[in-house]
Amino acid sequence: MRAGRITRFGGPEVLDVVDLPDPVPGDGEQVYEISSCGVNFADIHHSAS
């Protein structure tokens, strides 16, 4: 699956599009297919590891 990944602090240039393995749901969980989503200003500037 393709995903947007932010691994360091910064501006829009730190948002990378990467290929990841498809997620596997655990017990009581469900995976939804999302074809597109919005990314707002705060999302771009949030650091996630």
C-alpha atoms as a PDB file:
ATOM      1  CA  MET A   1       0.000   0.000   0.000  1.00  0.00           C
ATOM      2  CA  ARG A   2       1.142   3.554  -0.565  1.00  0.00           C
ATOM      3  CA  ALA A   3       1.195   5.813   2.464  1.00  0.00           C
ATOM      4  CA  GLY A   4       2.288   9.291   3.453  1.00  0.00           C
ATOM      5  CA  ARG A   5       4.925   9.093   6.178  1.00  0.00           C
ATOM      6  CA  ILE A   6       6.409  11.850   8.324  1.00  0.00           C
ATOM      7  CA  THR A   7       9.475  10.702  10.261  1.00  0.00           C
ATOM      8  CA  ARG A   8      11.060  14.024  11.196  1.00  0.00           C
ATOM      9  CA  PHE A   9      10.019  17.578  11.999  1.00  0.00           C
ATOM     10  CA  GLY A  10       9.807  20.067   9.160  1.00  0.00           C
ATOM     11  CA  GLY A  11       7.670  21.525   6.439  1.00  0.00           C
ATOM     12  CA  PRO A  12       5.927  19.831   3.532  1.00  0.00           C
ATOM     13  CA  GLU A  13       9.266  18.492   2.273  1.00  0.00           C
ATOM     14  CA  VAL A  14       9.371  15.908   5.110  1.00  0.00           C
ATOM     15  CA  LEU A  15       6.159  14.212   3.929  1.00  0.00           C
ATOM     16  CA  ASP A  16       7.313  11.134   2.011  1.00  0.00           C
ATOM     17  CA  VAL A  17       5.152   8.758  -0.038  1.00  0.00           C
ATOM     18  CA  VAL A  18       6.288   5.204   0.750  1.00  0.00           C
ATOM     19  CA  ASP A  19       5.233   1.640  -0.049  1.00  0.00           C
ATOM     20  CA  LEU A  20       4.281  -0.399   3.029  1.00  0.00           C
ATOM     21  CA  PRO A  21       2.987  -3.942   3.494  1.00  0.00           C
ATOM     22  CA  ASP A  22      -0.794  -4.250   3.680  1.00  0.00           C
ATOM     23  CA  PRO A  23      -2.014  -4.023   7.273  1.00  0.00           C
ATOM     24  CA  VAL A  24      -3.332  -7.170   8.956  1.00  0.00           C
ATOM     25  CA  PRO A  25      -6.230  -6.609  11.380  1.00  0.00           C
ATOM     26  CA  GLY A  26      -6.102  -8.097  14.858  1.00  0.00           C
ATOM     27  CA  ASP A  27      -9.024  -9.666  16.710  1.00  0.00           C
ATOM     28  CA  GLY A  28     -11.973  -7.278  16.804  1.00  0.00           C
ATOM     29  CA  GLU A  29     -10.345  -4.918  14.289  1.00  0.00           C
ATOM     30  CA  GLN A  30     -11.155  -4.124  10.674  1.00  0.00           C
ATOM     31  CA  VAL A  31      -9.089  -2.628   7.856  1.00  0.00           C
ATOM     32  CA  TYR A  32     -10.738  -0.049   5.603  1.00  0.00           C
ATOM     33  CA  GLU A  33      -9.580   0.789   2.093  1.00  0.00           C
ATOM     34  CA  ILE A  34      -9.058   4.524   1.661  1.00  0.00           C
ATOM     35  CA  SER A  35      -8.425   5.830  -1.841  1.00  0.00           C
ATOM     36  CA  SER A  36      -7.703   9.421  -0.815  1.00  0.00           C
ATOM     37  CA  CYS A  37      -7.744  11.707   2.194  1.00  0.00           C
ATOM     38  CA  GLY A  38      -7.084  15.299   3.074  1.00  0.00           C
ATOM     39  CA  VAL A  39      -3.823  16.462   4.592  1.00  0.00           C
ATOM     40  CA  ASN A  40      -4.048  19.798   6.365  1.00  0.00           C
ATOM     41  CA  PHE A  41      -1.395  22.260   7.479  1.00  0.00           C
ATOM     42  CA  ALA A  42      -1.154  20.784  11.007  1.00  0.00           C
ATOM     43  CA  ASP A  43      -0.745  17.222   9.616  1.00  0.00           C
ATOM     44  CA  ILE A  44       2.214  18.307   7.530  1.00  0.00           C
ATOM     45  CA  HIS A  45       3.924  19.910  10.535  1.00  0.00           C
ATOM     46  CA  HIS A  46       3.271  17.097  13.010  1.00  0.00           C
ATOM     47  CA  SER A  47       6.160  14.759  13.722  1.00  0.00           C
ATOM     48  CA  ALA A  48       5.298  11.042  13.902  1.00  0.00           C
ATOM     49  CA  SER A  49       7.730   8.215  14.349  1.00  0.00           C
END
